[in-house]
Amino acid sequence: MGVGEAVKKIDTALDDTFAAVSPPLKWRKGPAGMSQHRNLLNEENGEVTVSRDCYVRTKVSKSKIAALAEDVEKHWKAKGYELESRNRKMPSFRYSTPEGVSVVFDVGGDLVTISASISDTKSPGRSGDIDKGDFPHGLKDIAPDVRDPYWSK
């Protein structure tokens, strides 16, 4: 598949995930990027991984993190995604979709990210950003900046 199709697949998985969370969260798409695959001789092999991180703008209180993680995981399981890995301390988990998209829920301090990537995409001959997402001037501030009566309590 080409890079454009890969971006559509990862964006569909991300948009679908956020649409399933209730009450809705505010969030921003980070830049879509691609990184080249290399063989054992460190030579490009003609494929890239296409990925995007989404940053939750809504401040999610520590008492609601588990509820958010459960909502996301329940949705992914209902969609037929398969668990790849889990870290219960953070919480953090990775699932794969039947279409080969890897989706990740991750919490680090106040920052909640949901990411998606897909490998084995035909390389356009370079690595780097594909688009700027919702950050036309770069990732200056990804910290949560929106309070919500449900999620922020």
Foldseek 3Di string as FASTA:
>chain_A
DAPVVFVVVFVVVVVVLQVQDPPGFDKFKAFWWWDFDADPVRHGPQKIKIKIKMKTQEFFDPVCPVVSVVSSVVVCVVQVWAWDDADPVQGKTWTAHPVQKIWMWGHDPRITMIMIMHIPHGDPPDTTTPDGTRCPPHPPDRGHDHYDPPRND
